[in-house]
Each structure stands twice: as C-alpha cells, then as structure tokens.
Amino acid sequence: MTLKIHIDDSAAPYEQVRAQISEQARSGVLPVGYRLPTVRGLAESLGLAANTVAKAYRALESDGVIETRGRNGTFVASAGSAAERELASAAQAYAERVRRLGSDQEAGLAAVRDALRAAFGE
C-alpha cells in the first residue's frame, strides 16, 4: 500500500488518507482481505498524528470499505456490499426528490452527471 500526503493540498490529511485507501480498495490495488497497517504504524510512516489516521479509518469503516476485527487487525472489506447498499439508497432518495420537485428523468440524470463530473474533477 502506497499513500502520499500533500501538505499543500486543500484536502485535510485524514481525508487524503481516506480517499487514497478507498480508491485503492475500489480499484483492486488493495484486495479484499488485505490487512492494513495499524493506526500507529501508518501514522508513523506518513508523519501524521495517530488521531488523524484513526479518523480516516473510522470514516472508511463507516463507508464499508474496511472492517476492524478486534485484535486481529483492520482489513479491506468485501467489495462493495455495504457501499453498494448505501449507493442504492442514496440513488433512491435522489430519484424520489427529483419526482417531488416536479422534474423529469432527463433533468435528474443531467444534474447527477454534472455533480459526478465536478466531484471527480472531469
């Protein structure tokens, strides 16, 4: 696992850690079941405070990207199960909101495409 923290980046260090681990897990660079370094170990290797890495791990666990197995460590979770459920739920809520606003499917899809382009910097 390779992570790089850019101090001059506008994103907070914990967000950089979260985003990079999430992307590496999603792309398969970190396979399901891969054991992540301890919070303290990763913090030391990145030159960050342990609380910063702990915050990133909590966010990743909340997103379903990683799972903590007590004293056994922290691992990349099953690909997408929790994330896919959350994505489907968010999509359903958005679709209902589009309908309530009286908009049509094309306008709703266009808004999503624009938001995704902005979020992914495309």
Protein backbone atom coordinates (compact mmCIF):
# COMPACT_ATOMS: atom_id res chain seq x y z
CA MET A 1 0.00 0.00 0.00
CA THR A 2 1.38 3.36 -1.04
CA LEU A 3 -0.04 6.61 0.31
CA LYS A 4 1.22 10.14 -0.20
CA ILE A 5 0.14 13.10 1.88
CA HIS A 6 0.44 16.52 0.26
CA ILE A 7 0.69 19.24 2.88
CA ASP A 8 -0.15 21.97 0.35
CA ASP A 9 -3.33 20.12 -0.74
CA SER A 10 -6.61 21.78 0.23
CA ALA A 11 -7.92 18.41 1.50
CA ALA A 12 -7.25 17.61 5.15
CA PRO A 13 -4.64 14.88 5.75
CA TYR A 14 -7.24 12.44 7.16
CA GLU A 15 -9.35 12.98 4.01
CA GLN A 16 -6.32 12.29 1.80
CA VAL A 17 -5.70 9.01 3.68
CA ARG A 18 -9.40 8.09 3.46
CA ALA A 19 -9.66 8.90 -0.26
CA GLN A 20 -6.47 7.07 -1.23
CA ILE A 21 -7.31 3.89 0.69
CA SER A 22 -10.87 3.97 -0.63
CA GLU A 23 -9.67 4.36 -4.23
CA GLN A 24 -7.06 1.62 -3.87
CA ALA A 25 -9.67 -0.75 -2.40
CA ARG A 26 -12.20 0.11 -5.12
CA SER A 27 -9.67 -0.37 -7.92
CA GLY A 28 -8.38 -3.68 -6.53
CA VAL A 29 -4.88 -2.40 -5.72
CA LEU A 30 -5.79 -3.37 -2.15
CA PRO A 31 -7.60 -6.69 -2.49
CA VAL A 32 -10.44 -7.84 -0.27
CA GLY A 33 -8.95 -9.22 2.93
CA TYR A 34 -5.76 -7.16 2.71
CA ARG A 35 -4.55 -6.33 6.20
CA LEU A 36 -3.98 -2.61 6.69
CA PRO A 37 -1.21 -1.26 8.90
CA THR A 38 -2.09 -0.38 12.47
CA VAL A 39 -3.22 3.19 13.09
CA ARG A 40 0.01 3.94 14.92
CA GLY A 41 2.17 2.25 12.29
CA LEU A 42 0.58 4.09 9.38
CA ALA A 43 0.68 7.39 11.26
CA GLU A 44 4.42 6.98 11.87
CA SER A 45 5.17 6.06 8.26
CA LEU A 46 3.20 9.08 6.96
CA GLY A 47 4.42 11.52 9.60
CA LEU A 48 0.89 12.13 10.87
CA ALA A 49 -0.74 12.06 14.28
CA ALA A 50 -2.34 8.75 15.22
CA ASN A 51 -5.69 10.54 15.69
CA THR A 52 -5.58 11.67 12.05
CA VAL A 53 -5.21 8.11 10.77
CA ALA A 54 -7.78 6.85 13.29
CA LYS A 55 -10.28 9.40 11.94
CA ALA A 56 -9.65 8.17 8.38
CA TYR A 57 -10.07 4.53 9.45
CA ARG A 58 -13.36 5.36 11.23
CA ALA A 59 -14.67 7.06 8.08
CA LEU A 60 -13.59 4.12 5.92
CA GLU A 61 -15.25 1.67 8.29
CA SER A 62 -18.42 3.75 8.28
CA ASP A 63 -18.34 3.67 4.45
CA GLY A 64 -17.96 -0.13 4.48
CA VAL A 65 -14.55 -0.01 2.81
CA ILE A 66 -12.66 -1.58 5.72
CA GLU A 67 -13.58 -3.69 8.73
CA THR A 68 -11.89 -3.98 12.09
CA ARG A 69 -11.63 -7.46 13.56
CA GLY A 70 -10.66 -6.55 17.09
CA ARG A 71 -7.10 -7.53 17.97
CA ASN A 72 -6.72 -9.31 14.62
CA GLY A 73 -6.41 -6.00 12.78
CA THR A 74 -8.10 -3.95 10.11
CA PHE A 75 -8.84 -5.38 6.68
CA VAL A 76 -10.25 -4.32 3.32
CA ALA A 77 -13.92 -5.34 3.45
CA SER A 78 -15.85 -7.38 0.93
CA ALA A 79 -16.01 -5.46 -2.29
CA GLY A 80 -18.86 -3.07 -2.22
CA SER A 81 -21.53 -4.85 -0.20
CA ALA A 82 -22.14 -2.02 2.26
CA ALA A 83 -21.07 0.66 -0.21
CA GLU A 84 -23.40 -0.69 -2.89
CA ARG A 85 -26.34 -0.71 -0.47
CA GLU A 86 -25.59 2.87 0.57
CA LEU A 87 -25.23 3.94 -3.07
CA ALA A 88 -28.58 2.34 -3.97
CA SER A 89 -30.24 4.01 -1.01
CA ALA A 90 -28.83 7.42 -1.95
CA ALA A 91 -29.93 6.94 -5.57
CA GLN A 92 -33.45 6.02 -4.46
CA ALA A 93 -33.68 9.08 -2.21
CA TYR A 94 -32.43 11.30 -5.04
CA ALA A 95 -34.92 9.82 -7.53
CA GLU A 96 -37.78 10.47 -5.12
CA ARG A 97 -36.57 14.04 -4.58
CA VAL A 98 -36.41 14.67 -8.36
CA ARG A 99 -40.00 13.44 -8.71
CA ARG A 100 -41.22 15.57 -5.76
CA LEU A 101 -39.61 18.65 -7.32
CA GLY A 102 -41.66 18.01 -10.45
CA SER A 103 -38.59 17.45 -12.60
CA ASP A 104 -38.27 14.79 -15.27
CA GLN A 105 -35.80 11.90 -15.59
CA GLU A 106 -33.59 13.70 -18.12
CA ALA A 107 -33.12 16.73 -15.86
CA GLY A 108 -32.41 14.45 -12.89
CA LEU A 109 -29.80 12.48 -14.85
CA ALA A 110 -28.19 15.66 -16.18
CA ALA A 111 -27.85 17.01 -12.64
CA VAL A 112 -26.22 13.75 -11.48
CA ARG A 113 -23.79 13.75 -14.41
CA ASP A 114 -22.79 17.35 -13.66
CA ALA A 115 -22.33 16.58 -9.95
CA LEU A 116 -20.23 13.48 -10.68
CA ARG A 117 -18.04 15.37 -13.15
CA ALA A 118 -17.45 18.07 -10.54
CA ALA A 119 -16.77 15.54 -7.76
CA PHE A 120 -14.29 13.54 -9.83
CA GLY A 121 -12.65 16.55 -11.43
CA GLU A 122 -13.56 15.69 -15.01
